[in-house]
């Protein structure tokens, strides 16, 4: 089955075998392509800019024969992330969400493994400078008040059972 991949943020340039790069403006001409990455253009730092959530919804209609896979929010190459209130950006047509958390954070100092540590309030995190990630803290990040899972449940309540 053909696959179209994109992001709702931005990503490093991908060098996957067989991947064809398609700009948003040209995506209608890509029907039948087996493996696409659809972007909104490049940025000065060499990253690819992703699509808006509404564009991802349109992508499913423009390429109805493709499975659309969307990376909804990255963590700046760290295993964990504190999300802003407007993140992650879930397209309305989301039918399956897979939440990913880097278990390599276990035992690491909080700041060494957490994107936005100290930049977003997280009163549930220990304040000790040498505090490390534990299983309990990972569970709080995944299922606590500011968690990605909760944000997804609130954004797409009909999809969670």
N, C-alpha and C. Protein backbone atom coordinates (compact mmCIF):
# COMPACT_ATOMS: atom_id res chain seq x y z
N UNK A 1 0.84 -1.17 0.00
CA UNK A 1 0.00 0.00 0.00
C UNK A 1 0.90 1.25 0.00
N UNK A 2 0.61 2.24 -0.84
CA UNK A 2 1.42 3.46 -0.86
C UNK A 2 1.33 4.22 0.46
N UNK A 3 2.42 4.87 0.82
CA UNK A 3 2.52 5.60 2.08
C UNK A 3 2.97 7.03 1.81
N UNK A 4 2.30 7.97 2.47
CA UNK A 4 2.72 9.37 2.46
C UNK A 4 3.08 9.74 3.89
N UNK A 5 4.26 10.28 4.08
CA UNK A 5 4.77 10.65 5.40
C UNK A 5 4.90 12.16 5.45
N UNK A 6 4.61 12.74 6.59
CA UNK A 6 4.81 14.17 6.80
C UNK A 6 4.95 14.44 8.28
N UNK A 7 5.01 15.71 8.65
CA UNK A 7 5.08 16.14 10.03
C UNK A 7 4.23 17.40 10.18
N UNK A 8 3.79 17.67 11.39
CA UNK A 8 3.09 18.93 11.64
C UNK A 8 4.03 19.93 12.31
N UNK A 9 5.30 19.61 12.36
CA UNK A 9 6.31 20.53 12.89
C UNK A 9 7.38 20.70 11.82
N UNK A 10 8.56 20.21 12.08
CA UNK A 10 9.63 20.19 11.10
C UNK A 10 10.52 19.01 11.42
N UNK A 11 11.32 18.60 10.46
CA UNK A 11 12.15 17.42 10.68
C UNK A 11 13.48 17.58 9.96
N UNK A 12 14.43 16.81 10.40
CA UNK A 12 15.70 16.73 9.68
C UNK A 12 15.42 16.17 8.29
N UNK A 13 16.26 16.51 7.34
CA UNK A 13 16.13 15.91 6.00
C UNK A 13 16.32 14.40 6.13
N UNK A 14 15.42 13.65 5.52
CA UNK A 14 15.45 12.19 5.61
C UNK A 14 16.11 11.60 4.37
N UNK A 15 16.89 10.57 4.58
CA UNK A 15 17.57 9.88 3.48
C UNK A 15 17.13 8.43 3.42
N UNK A 16 15.82 8.19 3.43
CA UNK A 16 15.30 6.83 3.40
C UNK A 16 15.30 6.29 1.98
N UNK A 17 15.74 5.05 1.78
CA UNK A 17 15.73 4.46 0.44
C UNK A 17 14.33 4.46 -0.17
N UNK A 18 14.22 4.90 -1.40
CA UNK A 18 12.95 4.90 -2.12
C UNK A 18 12.01 6.05 -1.79
N UNK A 19 12.41 6.94 -0.87
CA UNK A 19 11.55 8.05 -0.47
C UNK A 19 11.61 9.16 -1.51
N UNK A 20 10.44 9.58 -1.99
CA UNK A 20 10.37 10.71 -2.91
C UNK A 20 9.90 11.93 -2.14
N UNK A 21 10.58 13.03 -2.32
CA UNK A 21 10.23 14.29 -1.67
C UNK A 21 9.22 15.03 -2.53
N UNK A 22 8.12 15.46 -1.93
CA UNK A 22 7.08 16.19 -2.66
C UNK A 22 6.73 17.46 -1.90
N UNK A 23 6.77 18.59 -2.58
CA UNK A 23 6.31 19.83 -1.98
C UNK A 23 4.80 19.85 -1.99
N UNK A 24 4.20 20.50 -1.00
CA UNK A 24 2.75 20.55 -0.86
C UNK A 24 2.07 20.97 -2.15
N UNK A 25 2.62 21.95 -2.82
CA UNK A 25 2.01 22.47 -4.05
C UNK A 25 1.97 21.43 -5.17
N UNK A 26 2.83 20.42 -5.10
CA UNK A 26 2.94 19.42 -6.16
C UNK A 26 2.33 18.07 -5.80
N UNK A 27 1.71 17.96 -4.65
CA UNK A 27 1.30 16.66 -4.15
C UNK A 27 0.23 15.98 -5.04
N UNK A 28 -0.62 16.74 -5.69
CA UNK A 28 -1.65 16.11 -6.53
C UNK A 28 -1.03 15.31 -7.67
N UNK A 29 0.15 15.68 -8.12
CA UNK A 29 0.81 14.94 -9.19
C UNK A 29 1.54 13.70 -8.70
N UNK A 30 1.39 13.37 -7.43
CA UNK A 30 2.12 12.23 -6.85
C UNK A 30 1.27 11.00 -6.64
N UNK A 31 0.08 10.98 -7.18
CA UNK A 31 -0.75 9.77 -7.06
C UNK A 31 0.00 8.61 -7.69
N UNK A 32 -0.05 7.49 -7.02
CA UNK A 32 0.64 6.31 -7.53
C UNK A 32 2.07 6.17 -7.03
N UNK A 33 2.64 7.24 -6.46
CA UNK A 33 3.99 7.13 -5.90
C UNK A 33 3.92 6.26 -4.64
N UNK A 34 4.80 5.27 -4.52
CA UNK A 34 4.67 4.34 -3.40
C UNK A 34 5.12 4.90 -2.04
N UNK A 35 6.07 5.85 -2.02
CA UNK A 35 6.63 6.28 -0.74
C UNK A 35 7.02 7.75 -0.85
N UNK A 36 6.23 8.61 -0.21
CA UNK A 36 6.40 10.06 -0.31
C UNK A 36 6.67 10.70 1.04
N UNK A 37 7.43 11.76 1.04
CA UNK A 37 7.45 12.68 2.17
C UNK A 37 6.92 14.00 1.64
N UNK A 38 5.83 14.49 2.21
CA UNK A 38 5.20 15.73 1.77
C UNK A 38 5.57 16.82 2.75
N UNK A 39 6.11 17.92 2.21
CA UNK A 39 6.57 19.01 3.07
C UNK A 39 6.06 20.34 2.56
N UNK A 40 6.28 21.37 3.34
CA UNK A 40 5.92 22.74 3.00
C UNK A 40 7.15 23.54 2.62
N UNK A 41 8.22 22.90 2.28
CA UNK A 41 9.45 23.59 1.91
C UNK A 41 10.52 23.39 2.97
N UNK A 42 11.70 23.92 2.66
CA UNK A 42 12.83 23.79 3.57
C UNK A 42 13.01 25.06 4.39
N UNK A 43 13.81 24.95 5.42
CA UNK A 43 14.15 26.08 6.28
C UNK A 43 15.63 26.36 6.17
N UNK A 44 16.05 27.49 6.67
CA UNK A 44 17.45 27.89 6.58
C UNK A 44 18.39 26.91 7.28
N UNK A 45 17.91 26.22 8.30
CA UNK A 45 18.77 25.29 9.03
C UNK A 45 18.81 23.90 8.39
N UNK A 46 18.25 23.76 7.19
CA UNK A 46 18.28 22.49 6.47
C UNK A 46 17.15 21.54 6.82
N UNK A 47 16.30 21.91 7.76
CA UNK A 47 15.18 21.05 8.12
C UNK A 47 14.04 21.23 7.12
N UNK A 48 13.18 20.22 7.08
CA UNK A 48 11.99 20.29 6.23
C UNK A 48 10.82 20.77 7.08
N UNK A 49 10.06 21.70 6.55
CA UNK A 49 8.89 22.22 7.23
C UNK A 49 7.69 21.34 6.92
N UNK A 50 6.93 20.99 7.94
CA UNK A 50 5.78 20.12 7.77
C UNK A 50 4.53 20.87 7.38
N UNK A 51 3.43 20.17 7.40
CA UNK A 51 2.13 20.70 6.99
C UNK A 51 1.32 21.15 8.20
N UNK A 52 0.37 22.02 7.96
CA UNK A 52 -0.61 22.38 8.98
C UNK A 52 -1.55 21.18 9.14
N UNK A 53 -2.19 21.09 10.30
CA UNK A 53 -3.10 19.96 10.55
C UNK A 53 -4.20 19.88 9.48
N UNK A 54 -4.74 21.01 9.07
CA UNK A 54 -5.79 21.01 8.03
C UNK A 54 -5.24 20.51 6.70
N UNK A 55 -3.98 20.80 6.41
CA UNK A 55 -3.37 20.30 5.17
C UNK A 55 -3.19 18.78 5.23
N UNK A 56 -2.85 18.27 6.41
CA UNK A 56 -2.74 16.81 6.55
C UNK A 56 -4.10 16.17 6.29
N UNK A 57 -5.16 16.79 6.79
CA UNK A 57 -6.51 16.27 6.51
C UNK A 57 -6.79 16.27 5.00
N UNK A 58 -6.38 17.33 4.32
CA UNK A 58 -6.56 17.39 2.86
C UNK A 58 -5.69 16.36 2.16
N UNK A 59 -4.52 16.10 2.70
CA UNK A 59 -3.60 15.13 2.10
C UNK A 59 -4.28 13.77 1.97
N UNK A 60 -5.04 13.38 2.98
CA UNK A 60 -5.77 12.12 2.92
C UNK A 60 -6.78 12.09 1.80
N UNK A 61 -7.35 13.25 1.47
CA UNK A 61 -8.32 13.30 0.36
C UNK A 61 -7.61 13.39 -0.99
N UNK A 62 -6.46 14.07 -1.04
CA UNK A 62 -5.71 14.19 -2.28
C UNK A 62 -5.04 12.88 -2.70
N UNK A 63 -4.66 12.09 -1.70
CA UNK A 63 -4.02 10.79 -1.96
C UNK A 63 -4.81 9.69 -1.25
N UNK A 64 -6.03 9.43 -1.69
CA UNK A 64 -6.89 8.49 -0.95
C UNK A 64 -6.38 7.05 -0.94
N UNK A 65 -5.48 6.72 -1.85
CA UNK A 65 -4.95 5.35 -1.88
C UNK A 65 -3.75 5.18 -0.95
N UNK A 66 -3.28 6.27 -0.31
CA UNK A 66 -2.12 6.22 0.56
C UNK A 66 -2.51 6.12 2.04
N UNK A 67 -1.70 5.40 2.79
CA UNK A 67 -1.74 5.50 4.24
C UNK A 67 -0.93 6.75 4.57
N UNK A 68 -1.48 7.62 5.42
CA UNK A 68 -0.79 8.86 5.79
C UNK A 68 -0.25 8.71 7.20
N UNK A 69 1.07 8.80 7.33
CA UNK A 69 1.73 8.74 8.63
C UNK A 69 2.25 10.13 8.97
N UNK A 70 1.93 10.61 10.17
CA UNK A 70 2.29 11.97 10.57
C UNK A 70 3.05 11.94 11.89
N UNK A 71 4.22 12.54 11.89
CA UNK A 71 4.95 12.75 13.13
C UNK A 71 4.40 14.06 13.68
N UNK A 72 3.69 13.97 14.82
CA UNK A 72 2.95 15.13 15.32
C UNK A 72 3.77 16.04 16.23
N UNK A 73 4.87 15.56 16.78
CA UNK A 73 5.67 16.42 17.64
C UNK A 73 6.95 15.71 18.06
N UNK A 74 8.08 16.27 17.71
CA UNK A 74 9.36 15.69 18.07
C UNK A 74 9.89 16.25 19.38
N UNK A 75 11.06 15.78 19.79
CA UNK A 75 11.64 16.17 21.08
C UNK A 75 13.06 16.69 20.94
N UNK A 76 13.40 17.29 19.80
CA UNK A 76 14.73 17.89 19.59
C UNK A 76 15.86 16.90 19.90
N UNK A 77 15.71 15.67 19.43
CA UNK A 77 16.71 14.61 19.56
C UNK A 77 16.94 14.15 21.00
N UNK A 78 16.04 14.50 21.91
CA UNK A 78 16.11 14.01 23.28
C UNK A 78 15.03 12.95 23.47
N UNK A 79 15.18 12.10 24.48
CA UNK A 79 14.20 11.03 24.65
C UNK A 79 12.83 11.48 25.15
N UNK A 80 12.74 12.65 25.78
CA UNK A 80 11.48 13.10 26.38
C UNK A 80 11.23 14.57 26.05
N UNK A 81 9.97 15.00 26.22
CA UNK A 81 9.62 16.39 25.92
C UNK A 81 8.49 16.88 26.82
N UNK A 82 8.61 18.14 27.25
CA UNK A 82 7.50 18.84 27.87
C UNK A 82 6.78 19.59 26.75
N UNK A 83 5.50 19.36 26.60
CA UNK A 83 4.74 19.96 25.51
C UNK A 83 4.13 21.29 25.92
N UNK A 84 4.10 22.22 24.97
CA UNK A 84 3.36 23.47 25.16
C UNK A 84 1.87 23.13 25.10
N UNK A 85 1.03 24.08 25.50
CA UNK A 85 -0.41 23.85 25.49
C UNK A 85 -0.94 23.59 24.08
N UNK A 86 -0.28 24.12 23.05
CA UNK A 86 -0.77 23.94 21.67
C UNK A 86 -0.12 22.74 20.97
N UNK A 87 0.52 21.88 21.71
CA UNK A 87 1.17 20.71 21.14
C UNK A 87 0.61 19.44 21.79
N UNK A 88 0.79 18.31 21.14
CA UNK A 88 1.12 18.14 19.75
C UNK A 88 -0.04 18.56 18.85
N UNK A 89 0.25 18.70 17.58
CA UNK A 89 -0.75 19.14 16.61
C UNK A 89 -1.36 17.89 15.96
N UNK A 90 -2.56 17.52 16.42
CA UNK A 90 -3.22 16.32 15.93
C UNK A 90 -4.13 16.65 14.77
N UNK A 91 -3.89 16.10 13.59
CA UNK A 91 -4.84 16.28 12.48
C UNK A 91 -6.21 15.71 12.86
N UNK A 92 -7.27 16.32 12.34
CA UNK A 92 -8.61 15.88 12.65
C UNK A 92 -8.91 14.46 12.23
N UNK A 93 -8.24 13.98 11.18
CA UNK A 93 -8.51 12.64 10.67
C UNK A 93 -7.69 11.57 11.39
N UNK A 94 -7.10 11.90 12.53
CA UNK A 94 -6.28 10.93 13.25
C UNK A 94 -7.11 9.69 13.57
N UNK A 95 -6.65 8.54 13.11
CA UNK A 95 -7.35 7.30 13.40
C UNK A 95 -6.57 6.41 14.35
N UNK A 96 -5.28 6.65 14.48
CA UNK A 96 -4.45 5.89 15.40
C UNK A 96 -3.30 6.79 15.84
N UNK A 97 -3.09 6.89 17.13
CA UNK A 97 -1.96 7.66 17.66
C UNK A 97 -1.05 6.71 18.42
N UNK A 98 0.22 6.77 18.12
CA UNK A 98 1.21 5.96 18.82
C UNK A 98 2.10 6.93 19.58
N UNK A 99 2.03 6.87 20.89
CA UNK A 99 2.84 7.76 21.73
C UNK A 99 4.18 7.10 21.97
N UNK A 100 5.25 7.86 21.75
CA UNK A 100 6.61 7.33 21.87
C UNK A 100 7.33 8.08 22.98
N UNK A 101 8.00 7.31 23.83
CA UNK A 101 8.75 7.89 24.93
C UNK A 101 10.09 7.17 24.99
N UNK A 102 11.17 7.92 25.13
CA UNK A 102 12.50 7.32 25.14
C UNK A 102 12.88 6.76 26.49
N UNK A 103 12.89 5.44 26.61
CA UNK A 103 13.26 4.81 27.87
C UNK A 103 14.75 4.98 28.19
N UNK A 104 15.51 5.46 27.22
CA UNK A 104 16.93 5.73 27.49
C UNK A 104 17.08 6.85 28.51
N UNK A 105 16.01 7.56 28.83
CA UNK A 105 16.05 8.63 29.83
C UNK A 105 16.21 8.07 31.25
N UNK A 106 15.81 6.82 31.46
CA UNK A 106 15.89 6.25 32.81
C UNK A 106 17.29 6.39 33.39
N UNK A 107 17.35 6.98 34.58
CA UNK A 107 18.63 7.16 35.26
C UNK A 107 19.39 8.42 34.88
N UNK A 108 19.00 9.06 33.78
CA UNK A 108 19.68 10.30 33.37
C UNK A 108 19.19 11.48 34.21
N UNK A 109 20.01 12.52 34.35
CA UNK A 109 19.53 13.73 35.01
C UNK A 109 18.36 14.31 34.23
N UNK A 110 17.41 14.91 34.93
CA UNK A 110 16.20 15.43 34.30
C UNK A 110 16.51 16.29 33.08
N UNK A 111 17.37 17.28 33.25
CA UNK A 111 17.65 18.24 32.17
C UNK A 111 18.35 17.60 30.97
N UNK A 112 19.09 16.53 31.19
CA UNK A 112 19.84 15.90 30.10
C UNK A 112 18.94 15.12 29.15
N UNK A 113 17.72 14.80 29.59
CA UNK A 113 16.86 13.95 28.78
C UNK A 113 15.55 14.60 28.37
N UNK A 114 15.28 15.82 28.85
CA UNK A 114 13.97 16.43 28.67
C UNK A 114 14.05 17.72 27.86
N UNK A 115 13.46 17.70 26.67
CA UNK A 115 13.37 18.91 25.85
C UNK A 115 12.46 19.91 26.56
N UNK A 116 12.92 21.14 26.68
CA UNK A 116 12.23 22.26 27.34
C UNK A 116 12.29 22.20 28.87
N UNK A 117 13.21 21.42 29.42
CA UNK A 117 13.37 21.40 30.87
C UNK A 117 13.69 22.82 31.35
N UNK A 118 12.95 23.30 32.33
CA UNK A 118 13.18 24.63 32.88
C UNK A 118 12.54 25.75 32.08
N UNK A 119 12.00 25.45 30.91
CA UNK A 119 11.36 26.47 30.08
C UNK A 119 9.85 26.41 30.16
N UNK A 120 9.32 25.29 30.59
CA UNK A 120 7.88 25.12 30.78
C UNK A 120 7.68 24.62 32.20
N UNK A 121 6.72 25.21 32.90
CA UNK A 121 6.46 24.81 34.28
C UNK A 121 6.05 23.35 34.37
N UNK A 122 6.69 22.64 35.27
CA UNK A 122 6.37 21.23 35.53
C UNK A 122 6.57 21.00 37.03
N UNK A 123 5.63 21.49 37.86
CA UNK A 123 5.80 21.40 39.30
C UNK A 123 5.90 19.97 39.84
N UNK A 124 5.50 19.00 39.06
CA UNK A 124 5.57 17.61 39.47
C UNK A 124 6.99 17.03 39.36
N UNK A 125 7.89 17.75 38.66
CA UNK A 125 9.27 17.28 38.55
C UNK A 125 10.05 17.64 39.81
N UNK A 126 10.95 16.76 40.26
CA UNK A 126 11.77 17.07 41.42
C UNK A 126 12.64 18.30 41.14
N UNK A 127 12.90 19.09 42.16
CA UNK A 127 13.71 20.31 41.98
C UNK A 127 15.18 20.09 42.30
N UNK A 128 15.54 18.93 42.84
CA UNK A 128 16.94 18.67 43.15
C UNK A 128 17.77 18.65 41.87
N UNK A 129 18.93 19.31 41.85
CA UNK A 129 19.73 19.38 40.62
C UNK A 129 20.23 18.04 40.11
N UNK A 130 20.39 17.07 40.99
CA UNK A 130 20.89 15.76 40.55
C UNK A 130 19.78 14.72 40.40
N UNK A 131 18.53 15.14 40.43
CA UNK A 131 17.41 14.20 40.29
C UNK A 131 17.47 13.53 38.92
N UNK A 132 17.13 12.25 38.92
CA UNK A 132 17.18 11.46 37.68
C UNK A 132 15.79 10.93 37.34
N UNK A 133 15.64 10.54 36.07
CA UNK A 133 14.37 9.98 35.60
C UNK A 133 14.16 8.61 36.20
N UNK A 134 12.95 8.39 36.69
CA UNK A 134 12.53 7.11 37.25
C UNK A 134 11.31 6.63 36.47
N UNK A 135 10.91 5.38 36.70
CA UNK A 135 9.70 4.86 36.07
C UNK A 135 8.48 5.70 36.47
N UNK A 136 8.41 6.10 37.73
CA UNK A 136 7.28 6.90 38.20
C UNK A 136 7.21 8.25 37.48
N UNK A 137 8.35 8.88 37.26
CA UNK A 137 8.36 10.16 36.55
C UNK A 137 7.97 9.98 35.08
N UNK A 138 8.41 8.88 34.47
CA UNK A 138 8.01 8.62 33.09
C UNK A 138 6.49 8.44 32.99
N UNK A 139 5.91 7.74 33.97
CA UNK A 139 4.47 7.57 33.98
C UNK A 139 3.76 8.91 34.15
N UNK A 140 4.28 9.78 35.01
CA UNK A 140 3.68 11.11 35.19
C UNK A 140 3.73 11.90 33.90
N UNK A 141 4.86 11.82 33.19
CA UNK A 141 5.00 12.54 31.92
C UNK A 141 4.00 12.02 30.89
N UNK A 142 3.81 10.71 30.84
CA UNK A 142 2.92 10.11 29.86
C UNK A 142 1.44 10.30 30.21
N UNK A 143 1.10 10.19 31.47
CA UNK A 143 -0.32 10.17 31.85
C UNK A 143 -0.74 11.30 32.78
N UNK A 144 0.17 12.18 33.14
CA UNK A 144 -0.14 13.25 34.09
C UNK A 144 -0.89 14.42 33.46
N UNK A 145 -1.08 15.48 34.21
CA UNK A 145 -1.89 16.63 33.78
C UNK A 145 -1.42 17.29 32.48
N UNK A 146 -0.13 17.31 32.21
CA UNK A 146 0.36 17.97 30.99
C UNK A 146 0.83 16.97 29.95
N UNK A 147 0.33 15.75 30.03
CA UNK A 147 0.85 14.66 29.21
C UNK A 147 0.33 14.68 27.78
N UNK A 148 1.15 14.14 26.88
CA UNK A 148 0.77 14.00 25.48
C UNK A 148 -0.49 13.15 25.35
N UNK A 149 -0.55 12.05 26.10
CA UNK A 149 -1.72 11.18 26.01
C UNK A 149 -2.99 11.92 26.37
N UNK A 150 -2.93 12.75 27.40
CA UNK A 150 -4.10 13.52 27.80
C UNK A 150 -4.47 14.54 26.73
N UNK A 151 -3.46 15.20 26.17
CA UNK A 151 -3.73 16.18 25.10
C UNK A 151 -4.42 15.51 23.92
N UNK A 152 -3.98 14.31 23.58
CA UNK A 152 -4.60 13.60 22.46
C UNK A 152 -6.03 13.21 22.81
N UNK A 153 -6.25 12.72 24.03
CA UNK A 153 -7.60 12.33 24.44
C UNK A 153 -8.55 13.52 24.38
N UNK A 154 -8.07 14.70 24.77
CA UNK A 154 -8.92 15.88 24.76
C UNK A 154 -9.14 16.39 23.33
N UNK A 155 -8.13 16.26 22.47
CA UNK A 155 -8.25 16.75 21.09
C UNK A 155 -9.10 15.82 20.24
N UNK A 156 -9.05 14.53 20.50
CA UNK A 156 -9.79 13.56 19.69
C UNK A 156 -10.52 12.58 20.60
N UNK A 157 -11.49 13.04 21.41
CA UNK A 157 -12.12 12.16 22.38
C UNK A 157 -12.83 10.95 21.79
N UNK A 158 -13.36 11.07 20.58
CA UNK A 158 -14.08 9.95 19.99
C UNK A 158 -13.15 8.82 19.58
N UNK A 159 -11.86 9.08 19.50
CA UNK A 159 -10.92 8.07 19.05
C UNK A 159 -10.32 7.27 20.20
N UNK A 160 -10.56 7.72 21.44
CA UNK A 160 -10.01 7.02 22.61
C UNK A 160 -11.10 6.20 23.26
N UNK A 161 -10.81 4.98 23.55
CA UNK A 161 -11.79 4.11 24.19
C UNK A 161 -11.25 3.61 25.51
